[in-house]
Amino acid sequence: TTVPLSLGGAELLFDGVKDHHVTLPGQSDPWDMKQLLAWIRVNLLKERPELFVQGDTVNTGLILIPDIFFFLCVFFQGELEYQLQDQDNVVFISTLHGG
């Protein structure tokens, strides 16, 4: 699965890089948002993980996938299980400092 990622307002946690184009390792089941966040934490996040993730979810911010308003502060009913589609454009918008 190939996913374009944009980390608006959080790029300082990712060595100053806002836009990433990642290819996730193959696995038998489709990737979901929970797995993507864990992968980002291990593979892209460079500092202060507590500012980006809290447990299994994003700390404070929005996640947008084209045409889907996905996240506002707390994931609701199973959205962590959203299965990523190849080329889903995932946009993280930090609201930690007012977004």
PDB file of N, CA and C in Angstrom:
ATOM      1  N   THR A   1       0.843  -1.181   0.000  1.00  0.00           N
ATOM      2  CA  THR A   1       0.000   0.000   0.000  1.00  0.00           C
ATOM      3  C   THR A   1       0.885   1.240   0.000  1.00  0.00           C
ATOM      4  N   THR A   2       0.636   2.136  -0.914  1.00  0.00           N
ATOM      5  CA  THR A   2       1.373   3.394  -0.988  1.00  0.00           C
ATOM      6  C   THR A   2       0.453   4.507  -0.518  1.00  0.00           C
ATOM      7  N   VAL A   3       0.964   5.323   0.416  1.00  0.00           N
ATOM      8  CA  VAL A   3       0.141   6.365   1.027  1.00  0.00           C
ATOM      9  C   VAL A   3       0.903   7.685   1.050  1.00  0.00           C
ATOM     10  N   PRO A   4       0.364   8.719   0.399  1.00  0.00           N
ATOM     11  CA  PRO A   4       0.925  10.058   0.576  1.00  0.00           C
ATOM     12  C   PRO A   4       0.474  10.602   1.936  1.00  0.00           C
ATOM     13  N   LEU A   5       1.416  11.123   2.720  1.00  0.00           N
ATOM     14  CA  LEU A   5       1.108  11.683   4.037  1.00  0.00           C
ATOM     15  C   LEU A   5       1.490  13.154   4.068  1.00  0.00           C
ATOM     16  N   SER A   6       0.644  13.958   4.659  1.00  0.00           N
ATOM     17  CA  SER A   6       0.962  15.352   4.887  1.00  0.00           C
ATOM     18  C   SER A   6       0.800  15.619   6.375  1.00  0.00           C
ATOM     19  N   LEU A   7       1.818  16.225   6.983  1.00  0.00           N
ATOM     20  CA  LEU A   7       1.839  16.422   8.433  1.00  0.00           C
ATOM     21  C   LEU A   7       1.827  17.909   8.762  1.00  0.00           C
ATOM     22  N   GLY A   8       0.745  18.571   8.443  1.00  0.00           N
ATOM     23  CA  GLY A   8       0.632  20.009   8.642  1.00  0.00           C
ATOM     24  C   GLY A   8       0.686  20.417  10.104  1.00  0.00           C
ATOM     25  N   GLY A   9       1.625  21.287  10.424  1.00  0.00           N
ATOM     26  CA  GLY A   9       1.762  21.779  11.789  1.00  0.00           C
ATOM     27  C   GLY A   9       2.548  20.859  12.698  1.00  0.00           C
ATOM     28  N   ALA A  10       2.895  19.669  12.223  1.00  0.00           N
ATOM     29  CA  ALA A  10       3.654  18.716  13.043  1.00  0.00           C
ATOM     30  C   ALA A  10       4.998  18.379  12.424  1.00  0.00           C
ATOM     31  N   GLU A  11       5.355  19.074  11.349  1.00  0.00           N
ATOM     32  CA  GLU A  11       6.572  18.710  10.632  1.00  0.00           C
ATOM     33  C   GLU A  11       7.838  18.806  11.478  1.00  0.00           C
ATOM     34  N   LEU A  12       7.847  19.648  12.512  1.00  0.00           N
ATOM     35  CA  LEU A  12       9.031  19.741  13.366  1.00  0.00           C
ATOM     36  C   LEU A  12       9.319  18.418  14.083  1.00  0.00           C
ATOM     37  N   LEU A  13       8.299  17.627  14.285  1.00  0.00           N
ATOM     38  CA  LEU A  13       8.483  16.317  14.924  1.00  0.00           C
ATOM     39  C   LEU A  13       9.022  15.287  13.951  1.00  0.00           C
ATOM     40  N   PHE A  14       9.064  15.651  12.663  1.00  0.00           N
ATOM     41  CA  PHE A  14       9.463  14.736  11.590  1.00  0.00           C
ATOM     42  C   PHE A  14      10.642  15.323  10.812  1.00  0.00           C
ATOM     43  N   ASP A  15      11.634  15.861  11.519  1.00  0.00           N
ATOM     44  CA  ASP A  15      12.829  16.473  10.916  1.00  0.00           C
ATOM     45  C   ASP A  15      12.484  17.586   9.943  1.00  0.00           C
ATOM     46  N   GLY A  16      11.405  18.306  10.200  1.00  0.00           N
ATOM     47  CA  GLY A  16      11.035  19.436   9.360  1.00  0.00           C
ATOM     48  C   GLY A  16      10.402  19.070   8.029  1.00  0.00           C
ATOM     49  N   VAL A  17      10.108  17.786   7.843  1.00  0.00           N
ATOM     50  CA  VAL A  17       9.525  17.328   6.580  1.00  0.00           C
ATOM     51  C   VAL A  17       8.012  17.237   6.742  1.00  0.00           C
ATOM     52  N   LYS A  18       7.290  17.984   5.916  1.00  0.00           N
ATOM     53  CA  LYS A  18       5.831  18.007   6.002  1.00  0.00           C
ATOM     54  C   LYS A  18       5.189  16.897   5.171  1.00  0.00           C
ATOM     55  N   ASP A  19       5.677  16.675   3.963  1.00  0.00           N
ATOM     56  CA  ASP A  19       5.054  15.712   3.057  1.00  0.00           C
ATOM     57  C   ASP A  19       5.920  14.475   2.888  1.00  0.00           C
ATOM     58  N   HIS A  20       5.295  13.340   3.005  1.00  0.00           N
ATOM     59  CA  HIS A  20       5.957  12.041   2.872  1.00  0.00           C
ATOM     60  C   HIS A  20       5.160  11.197   1.887  1.00  0.00           C
ATOM     61  N   HIS A  21       5.850  10.337   1.186  1.00  0.00           N
ATOM     62  CA  HIS A  21       5.204   9.381   0.287  1.00  0.00           C
ATOM     63  C   HIS A  21       5.753   8.023   0.698  1.00  0.00           C
ATOM     64  N   VAL A  22       4.937   7.243   1.418  1.00  0.00           N
ATOM     65  CA  VAL A  22       5.451   5.999   1.995  1.00  0.00           C
ATOM     66  C   VAL A  22       4.813   4.784   1.346  1.00  0.00           C
ATOM     67  N   THR A  23       5.606   3.747   1.256  1.00  0.00           N
ATOM     68  CA  THR A  23       5.114   2.450   0.821  1.00  0.00           C
ATOM     69  C   THR A  23       5.153   1.544   2.037  1.00  0.00           C
ATOM     70  N   LEU A  24       3.985   1.116   2.465  1.00  0.00           N
ATOM     71  CA  LEU A  24       3.882   0.280   3.661  1.00  0.00           C
ATOM     72  C   LEU A  24       4.214  -1.164   3.301  1.00  0.00           C
ATOM     73  N   PRO A  25       4.858  -1.884   4.221  1.00  0.00           N
ATOM     74  CA  PRO A  25       5.192  -3.285   3.959  1.00  0.00           C
ATOM     75  C   PRO A  25       3.935  -4.100   3.666  1.00  0.00           C
ATOM     76  N   GLY A  26       4.080  -5.083   2.793  1.00  0.00           N
ATOM     77  CA  GLY A  26       2.957  -5.953   2.468  1.00  0.00           C
ATOM     78  C   GLY A  26       2.557  -6.808   3.667  1.00  0.00           C
ATOM     79  N   GLN A  27       1.301  -7.069   3.772  1.00  0.00           N
ATOM     80  CA  GLN A  27       0.766  -7.951   4.808  1.00  0.00           C
ATOM     81  C   GLN A  27      -0.521  -8.565   4.278  1.00  0.00           C
ATOM     82  N   SER A  28      -0.968  -9.633   4.932  1.00  0.00           N
ATOM     83  CA  SER A  28      -2.132 -10.362   4.413  1.00  0.00           C
ATOM     84  C   SER A  28      -3.423  -9.543   4.484  1.00  0.00           C
ATOM     85  N   ASP A  29      -3.606  -8.767   5.544  1.00  0.00           N
ATOM     86  CA  ASP A  29      -4.802  -7.925   5.685  1.00  0.00           C
ATOM     87  C   ASP A  29      -4.471  -6.494   5.278  1.00  0.00           C
ATOM     88  N   PRO A  30      -5.464  -5.743   4.808  1.00  0.00           N
ATOM     89  CA  PRO A  30      -5.216  -4.333   4.478  1.00  0.00           C
ATOM     90  C   PRO A  30      -4.766  -3.552   5.717  1.00  0.00           C
ATOM     91  N   TRP A  31      -3.966  -2.530   5.500  1.00  0.00           N
ATOM     92  CA  TRP A  31      -3.537  -1.657   6.580  1.00  0.00           C
ATOM     93  C   TRP A  31      -4.735  -0.844   7.075  1.00  0.00           C
ATOM     94  N   ASP A  32      -4.787  -0.614   8.392  1.00  0.00           N
ATOM     95  CA  ASP A  32      -5.809   0.276   8.941  1.00  0.00           C
ATOM     96  C   ASP A  32      -5.119   1.473   9.597  1.00  0.00           C
ATOM     97  N   MET A  33      -5.907   2.442  10.039  1.00  0.00           N
ATOM     98  CA  MET A  33      -5.346   3.661  10.613  1.00  0.00           C
ATOM     99  C   MET A  33      -4.530   3.383  11.875  1.00  0.00           C
ATOM    100  N   LYS A  34      -4.967   2.462  12.689  1.00  0.00           N
ATOM    101  CA  LYS A  34      -4.228   2.132  13.912  1.00  0.00           C
ATOM    102  C   LYS A  34      -2.826   1.625  13.554  1.00  0.00           C
ATOM    103  N   GLN A  35      -2.739   0.765  12.568  1.00  0.00           N
ATOM    104  CA  GLN A  35      -1.445   0.244  12.139  1.00  0.00           C
ATOM    105  C   GLN A  35      -0.593   1.341  11.501  1.00  0.00           C
ATOM    106  N   LEU A  36      -1.229   2.214  10.716  1.00  0.00           N
ATOM    107  CA  LEU A  36      -0.497   3.306  10.096  1.00  0.00           C
ATOM    108  C   LEU A  36       0.124   4.216  11.154  1.00  0.00           C
ATOM    109  N   LEU A  37      -0.643   4.569  12.173  1.00  0.00           N
ATOM    110  CA  LEU A  37      -0.115   5.435  13.231  1.00  0.00           C
ATOM    111  C   LEU A  37       1.066   4.782  13.945  1.00  0.00           C
ATOM    112  N   ALA A  38       0.974   3.486  14.208  1.00  0.00           N
ATOM    113  CA  ALA A  38       2.084   2.770  14.844  1.00  0.00           C
ATOM    114  C   ALA A  38       3.306   2.770  13.930  1.00  0.00           C
ATOM    115  N   TRP A  39       3.096   2.571  12.624  1.00  0.00           N
ATOM    116  CA  TRP A  39       4.196   2.577  11.660  1.00  0.00           C
ATOM    117  C   TRP A  39       4.849   3.954  11.592  1.00  0.00           C
ATOM    118  N   ILE A  40       4.034   5.001  11.571  1.00  0.00           N
ATOM    119  CA  ILE A  40       4.563   6.366  11.538  1.00  0.00           C
ATOM    120  C   ILE A  40       5.406   6.629  12.778  1.00  0.00           C
ATOM    121  N   ARG A  41       4.923   6.201  13.921  1.00  0.00           N
ATOM    122  CA  ARG A  41       5.659   6.435  15.176  1.00  0.00           C
ATOM    123  C   ARG A  41       7.036   5.786  15.130  1.00  0.00           C
ATOM    124  N   VAL A  42       7.129   4.579  14.611  1.00  0.00           N
ATOM    125  CA  VAL A  42       8.394   3.845  14.572  1.00  0.00           C
ATOM    126  C   VAL A  42       9.305   4.331  13.442  1.00  0.00           C
ATOM    127  N   ASN A  43       8.737   4.638  12.283  1.00  0.00           N
ATOM    128  CA  ASN A  43       9.539   4.871  11.087  1.00  0.00           C
ATOM    129  C   ASN A  43       9.737   6.331  10.670  1.00  0.00           C
ATOM    130  N   LEU A  44       8.864   7.226  11.068  1.00  0.00           N
ATOM    131  CA  LEU A  44       8.982   8.611  10.617  1.00  0.00           C
ATOM    132  C   LEU A  44       9.189   9.618  11.741  1.00  0.00           C
ATOM    133  N   LEU A  45       8.558   9.398  12.865  1.00  0.00           N
ATOM    134  CA  LEU A  45       8.593  10.344  13.980  1.00  0.00           C
ATOM    135  C   LEU A  45       9.996  10.408  14.563  1.00  0.00           C
ATOM    136  N   LYS A  46      10.555  11.609  14.672  1.00  0.00           N
ATOM    137  CA  LYS A  46      11.934  11.771  15.116  1.00  0.00           C
ATOM    138  C   LYS A  46      12.075  12.264  16.548  1.00  0.00           C
ATOM    139  N   GLU A  47      11.076  12.961  17.060  1.00  0.00           N
ATOM    140  CA  GLU A  47      11.188  13.483  18.415  1.00  0.00           C
ATOM    141  C   GLU A  47       9.816  13.714  19.033  1.00  0.00           C
ATOM    142  N   ARG A  48       9.774  13.787  20.349  1.00  0.00           N
ATOM    143  CA  ARG A  48       8.587  14.102  21.144  1.00  0.00           C
ATOM    144  C   ARG A  48       7.327  13.364  20.697  1.00  0.00           C
ATOM    145  N   PRO A  49       7.363  12.031  20.722  1.00  0.00           N
ATOM    146  CA  PRO A  49       6.206  11.257  20.251  1.00  0.00           C
ATOM    147  C   PRO A  49       4.907  11.596  20.980  1.00  0.00           C
ATOM    148  N   GLU A  50       5.000  12.035  22.227  1.00  0.00           N
ATOM    149  CA  GLU A  50       3.790  12.357  22.992  1.00  0.00           C
ATOM    150  C   GLU A  50       3.023  13.530  22.396  1.00  0.00           C
ATOM    151  N   LEU A  51       3.678  14.326  21.570  1.00  0.00           N
ATOM    152  CA  LEU A  51       2.990  15.435  20.922  1.00  0.00           C
ATOM    153  C   LEU A  51       2.206  14.996  19.686  1.00  0.00           C
ATOM    154  N   PHE A  52       2.537  13.812  19.153  1.00  0.00           N
ATOM    155  CA  PHE A  52       1.846  13.339  17.953  1.00  0.00           C
ATOM    156  C   PHE A  52       0.869  12.209  18.248  1.00  0.00           C
ATOM    157  N   VAL A  53       1.290  11.252  19.047  1.00  0.00           N
ATOM    158  CA  VAL A  53       0.427  10.113  19.353  1.00  0.00           C
ATOM    159  C   VAL A  53       0.171  10.009  20.844  1.00  0.00           C
ATOM    160  N   GLN A  54      -0.991   9.506  21.169  1.00  0.00           N
ATOM    161  CA  GLN A  54      -1.366   9.251  22.548  1.00  0.00           C
ATOM    162  C   GLN A  54      -2.034   7.891  22.558  1.00  0.00           C
ATOM    163  N   GLY A  55      -1.327   6.892  23.082  1.00  0.00           N
ATOM    164  CA  GLY A  55      -1.836   5.522  23.015  1.00  0.00           C
ATOM    165  C   GLY A  55      -1.859   5.071  21.573  1.00  0.00           C
ATOM    166  N   ASP A  56      -3.023   4.643  21.103  1.00  0.00           N
ATOM    167  CA  ASP A  56      -3.168   4.149  19.733  1.00  0.00           C
ATOM    168  C   ASP A  56      -3.671   5.199  18.750  1.00  0.00           C
ATOM    169  N   THR A  57      -3.812   6.432  19.197  1.00  0.00           N
ATOM    170  CA  THR A  57      -4.433   7.437  18.342  1.00  0.00           C
ATOM    171  C   THR A  57      -3.582   8.699  18.266  1.00  0.00           C
ATOM    172  N   VAL A  58      -4.003   9.654  17.471  1.00  0.00           N
ATOM    173  CA  VAL A  58      -3.315  10.927  17.348  1.00  0.00           C
ATOM    174  C   VAL A  58      -3.618  11.746  18.591  1.00  0.00           C
ATOM    175  N   ASN A  59      -2.620  12.493  19.063  1.00  0.00           N
ATOM    176  CA  ASN A  59      -2.809  13.286  20.268  1.00  0.00           C
ATOM    177  C   ASN A  59      -3.903  14.322  20.042  1.00  0.00           C
ATOM    178  N   THR A  60      -3.598  15.438  19.454  1.00  0.00           N
ATOM    179  CA  THR A  60      -4.595  16.475  19.215  1.00  0.00           C
ATOM    180  C   THR A  60      -4.472  16.927  17.778  1.00  0.00           C
ATOM    181  N   GLY A  61      -5.533  16.776  17.033  1.00  0.00           N
ATOM    182  CA  GLY A  61      -5.486  17.203  15.640  1.00  0.00           C
ATOM    183  C   GLY A  61      -6.587  16.583  14.823  1.00  0.00           C
ATOM    184  N   LEU A  62      -6.448  16.722  13.534  1.00  0.00           N
ATOM    185  CA  LEU A  62      -7.412  16.189  12.586  1.00  0.00           C
ATOM    186  C   LEU A  62      -6.702  15.218  11.663  1.00  0.00           C
ATOM    187  N   ILE A  63      -7.419  14.193  11.229  1.00  0.00           N
ATOM    188  CA  ILE A  63      -6.937  13.352  10.142  1.00  0.00           C
ATOM    189  C   ILE A  63      -7.987  13.431   9.057  1.00  0.00           C
ATOM    190  N   LEU A  64      -7.541  13.781   7.876  1.00  0.00           N
ATOM    191  CA  LEU A  64      -8.455  13.867   6.747  1.00  0.00           C
ATOM    192  C   LEU A  64      -8.015  12.867   5.688  1.00  0.00           C
ATOM    193  N   ILE A  65      -8.960  12.144   5.159  1.00  0.00           N
ATOM    194  CA  ILE A  65      -8.738  11.282   4.007  1.00  0.00           C
ATOM    195  C   ILE A  65      -9.702  11.819   2.971  1.00  0.00           C
ATOM    196  N   PRO A  66      -9.296  11.897   1.704  1.00  0.00           N
ATOM    197  CA  PRO A  66     -10.146  12.573   0.719  1.00  0.00           C
ATOM    198  C   PRO A  66     -11.636  12.292   0.911  1.00  0.00           C
ATOM    199  N   ASP A  67     -12.384  13.366   1.018  1.00  0.00           N
ATOM    200  CA  ASP A  67     -13.837  13.306   1.134  1.00  0.00           C
ATOM    201  C   ASP A  67     -14.340  12.697   2.438  1.00  0.00           C
ATOM    202  N   ILE A  68     -13.441  12.470   3.398  1.00  0.00           N
ATOM    203  CA  ILE A  68     -13.863  11.917   4.693  1.00  0.00           C
ATOM    204  C   ILE A  68     -13.320  12.818   5.792  1.00  0.00           C
ATOM    205  N   PHE A  69     -14.192  13.395   6.618  1.00  0.00           N
ATOM    206  CA  PHE A  69     -13.735  14.101   7.815  1.00  0.00           C
ATOM    207  C   PHE A  69     -13.546  13.023   8.855  1.00  0.00           C
ATOM    208  N   PHE A  70     -12.305  12.715   9.163  1.00  0.00           N
ATOM    209  CA  PHE A  70     -12.002  11.464   9.848  1.00  0.00           C
ATOM    210  C   PHE A  70     -11.827  11.605  11.346  1.00  0.00           C
ATOM    211  N   PHE A  71     -11.246  12.683  11.811  1.00  0.00           N
ATOM    212  CA  PHE A  71     -10.838  12.721  13.206  1.00  0.00           C
ATOM    213  C   PHE A  71     -10.915  14.131  13.755  1.00  0.00           C
ATOM    214  N   LEU A  72     -11.453  14.282  14.905  1.00  0.00           N
ATOM    215  CA  LEU A  72     -11.375  15.546  15.628  1.00  0.00           C
ATOM    216  C   LEU A  72     -11.186  15.222  17.102  1.00  0.00           C
ATOM    217  N   CYS A  73      -9.982  15.320  17.551  1.00  0.00           N
ATOM    218  CA  CYS A  73      -9.593  15.103  18.949  1.00  0.00           C
ATOM    219  C   CYS A  73      -9.712  13.654  19.430  1.00  0.00           C
ATOM    220  N   VAL A  74     -10.773  12.974  19.141  1.00  0.00           N
ATOM    221  CA  VAL A  74     -10.973  11.599  19.592  1.00  0.00           C
ATOM    222  C   VAL A  74     -11.554  10.799  18.431  1.00  0.00           C
ATOM    223  N   PHE A  75     -11.067   9.590  18.227  1.00  0.00           N
ATOM    224  CA  PHE A  75     -11.660   8.739  17.200  1.00  0.00           C
ATOM    225  C   PHE A  75     -13.018   8.258  17.685  1.00  0.00           C
ATOM    226  N   PHE A  76     -13.966   8.211  16.796  1.00  0.00           N
ATOM    227  CA  PHE A  76     -15.299   7.749  17.134  1.00  0.00           C
ATOM    228  C   PHE A  76     -15.546   6.378  16.524  1.00  0.00           C
ATOM    229  N   GLN A  77     -16.206   5.507  17.227  1.00  0.00           N
ATOM    230  CA  GLN A  77     -16.713   4.210  16.793  1.00  0.00           C
ATOM    231  C   GLN A  77     -15.980   3.559  15.629  1.00  0.00           C
ATOM    232  N   GLY A  78     -14.838   2.967  15.931  1.00  0.00           N
ATOM    233  CA  GLY A  78     -14.188   2.096  14.973  1.00  0.00           C
ATOM    234  C   GLY A  78     -13.419   2.769  13.856  1.00  0.00           C
ATOM    235  N   GLU A  79     -13.222   4.085  13.900  1.00  0.00           N
ATOM    236  CA  GLU A  79     -12.514   4.723  12.809  1.00  0.00           C
ATOM    237  C   GLU A  79     -11.044   4.327  12.741  1.00  0.00           C
ATOM    238  N   LEU A  80     -10.479   3.853  13.855  1.00  0.00           N
ATOM    239  CA  LEU A  80      -9.111   3.340  13.801  1.00  0.00           C
ATOM    240  C   LEU A  80      -9.031   2.114  12.903  1.00  0.00           C
ATOM    241  N   GLU A  81     -10.145   1.467  12.679  1.00  0.00           N
ATOM    242  CA  GLU A  81     -10.179   0.280  11.838  1.00  0.00           C
ATOM    243  C   GLU A  81     -10.397   0.612  10.358  1.00  0.00           C
ATOM    244  N   TYR A  82     -10.505   1.906  10.034  1.00  0.00           N
ATOM    245  CA  TYR A  82     -10.655   2.283   8.626  1.00  0.00           C
ATOM    246  C   TYR A  82      -9.522   1.645   7.836  1.00  0.00           C
ATOM    247  N   GLN A  83      -9.853   0.895   6.790  1.00  0.00           N
ATOM    248  CA  GLN A  83      -8.844   0.223   5.983  1.00  0.00           C
ATOM    249  C   GLN A  83      -8.373   1.157   4.873  1.00  0.00           C
ATOM    250  N   LEU A  84      -7.075   1.388   4.878  1.00  0.00           N
ATOM    251  CA  LEU A  84      -6.479   2.267   3.882  1.00  0.00           C
ATOM    252  C   LEU A  84      -6.577   1.668   2.494  1.00  0.00           C
ATOM    253  N   GLN A  85      -6.863   2.504   1.548  1.00  0.00           N
ATOM    254  CA  GLN A  85      -6.860   2.131   0.138  1.00  0.00           C
ATOM    255  C   GLN A  85      -5.554   2.643  -0.459  1.00  0.00           C
ATOM    256  N   ASP A  86      -5.040   1.927  -1.449  1.00  0.00           N
ATOM    257  CA  ASP A  86      -3.825   2.382  -2.106  1.00  0.00           C
ATOM    258  C   ASP A  86      -4.034   3.803  -2.618  1.00  0.00           C
ATOM    259  N   GLN A  87      -3.090   4.653  -2.341  1.00  0.00           N
ATOM    260  CA  GLN A  87      -3.094   6.066  -2.742  1.00  0.00           C
ATOM    261  C   GLN A  87      -4.063   6.938  -1.946  1.00  0.00           C
ATOM    262  N   ASP A  88      -4.643   6.433  -0.828  1.00  0.00           N
ATOM    263  CA  ASP A  88      -5.380   7.326   0.062  1.00  0.00           C
ATOM    264  C   ASP A  88      -4.430   8.439   0.470  1.00  0.00           C
ATOM    265  N   ASN A  89      -4.852   9.663   0.338  1.00  0.00           N
ATOM    266  CA  ASN A  89      -4.038  10.803   0.752  1.00  0.00           C
ATOM    267  C   ASN A  89      -4.408  11.117   2.194  1.00  0.00           C
ATOM    268  N   VAL A  90      -3.525  10.809   3.128  1.00  0.00           N
ATOM    269  CA  VAL A  90      -3.798  10.997   4.548  1.00  0.00           C
ATOM    270  C   VAL A  90      -3.160  12.304   4.991  1.00  0.00           C
ATOM    271  N   VAL A  91      -3.975  13.204   5.544  1.00  0.00           N
ATOM    272  CA  VAL A  91      -3.507  14.516   5.963  1.00  0.00           C
ATOM    273  C   VAL A  91      -3.709  14.636   7.468  1.00  0.00           C
ATOM    274  N   PHE A  92      -2.618  14.880   8.193  1.00  0.00           N
ATOM    275  CA  PHE A  92      -2.679  15.140   9.622  1.00  0.00           C
ATOM    276  C   PHE A  92      -2.537  16.637   9.810  1.00  0.00           C
ATOM    277  N   ILE A  93      -3.461  17.247  10.535  1.00  0.00           N
ATOM    278  CA  ILE A  93      -3.401  18.679  10.809  1.00  0.00           C
ATOM    279  C   ILE A  93      -3.344  18.832  12.314  1.00  0.00           C
ATOM    280  N   SER A  94      -2.202  19.270  12.801  1.00  0.00           N
ATOM    281  CA  SER A  94      -2.034  19.441  14.231  1.00  0.00           C
ATOM    282  C   SER A  94      -2.839  20.631  14.714  1.00  0.00           C
ATOM    283  N   THR A  95      -3.567  20.436  15.790  1.00  0.00           N
ATOM    284  CA  THR A  95      -4.277  21.556  16.430  1.00  0.00           C
ATOM    285  C   THR A  95      -3.730  21.780  17.834  1.00  0.00           C
ATOM    286  N   LEU A  96      -2.577  21.176  18.125  1.00  0.00           N
ATOM    287  CA  LEU A  96      -1.969  21.290  19.449  1.00  0.00           C
ATOM    288  C   LEU A  96      -1.701  22.738  19.827  1.00  0.00           C
ATOM    289  N   HIS A  97      -1.292  23.542  18.851  1.00  0.00           N
ATOM    290  CA  HIS A  97      -0.990  24.949  19.105  1.00  0.00           C
ATOM    291  C   HIS A  97      -1.945  25.865  18.363  1.00  0.00           C
ATOM    292  N   GLY A  98      -3.172  25.429  18.257  1.00  0.00           N
ATOM    293  CA  GLY A  98      -4.185  26.246  17.609  1.00  0.00           C
ATOM    294  C   GLY A  98      -4.440  25.898  16.161  1.00  0.00           C
ATOM    295  N   GLY A  99      -3.650  24.947  15.591  1.00  0.00           N
ATOM    296  CA  GLY A  99      -3.824  24.489  14.197  1.00  0.00           C
ATOM    297  C   GLY A  99      -3.804  25.615  13.261  1.00  0.00           C
TER     298      GLY A  99
END
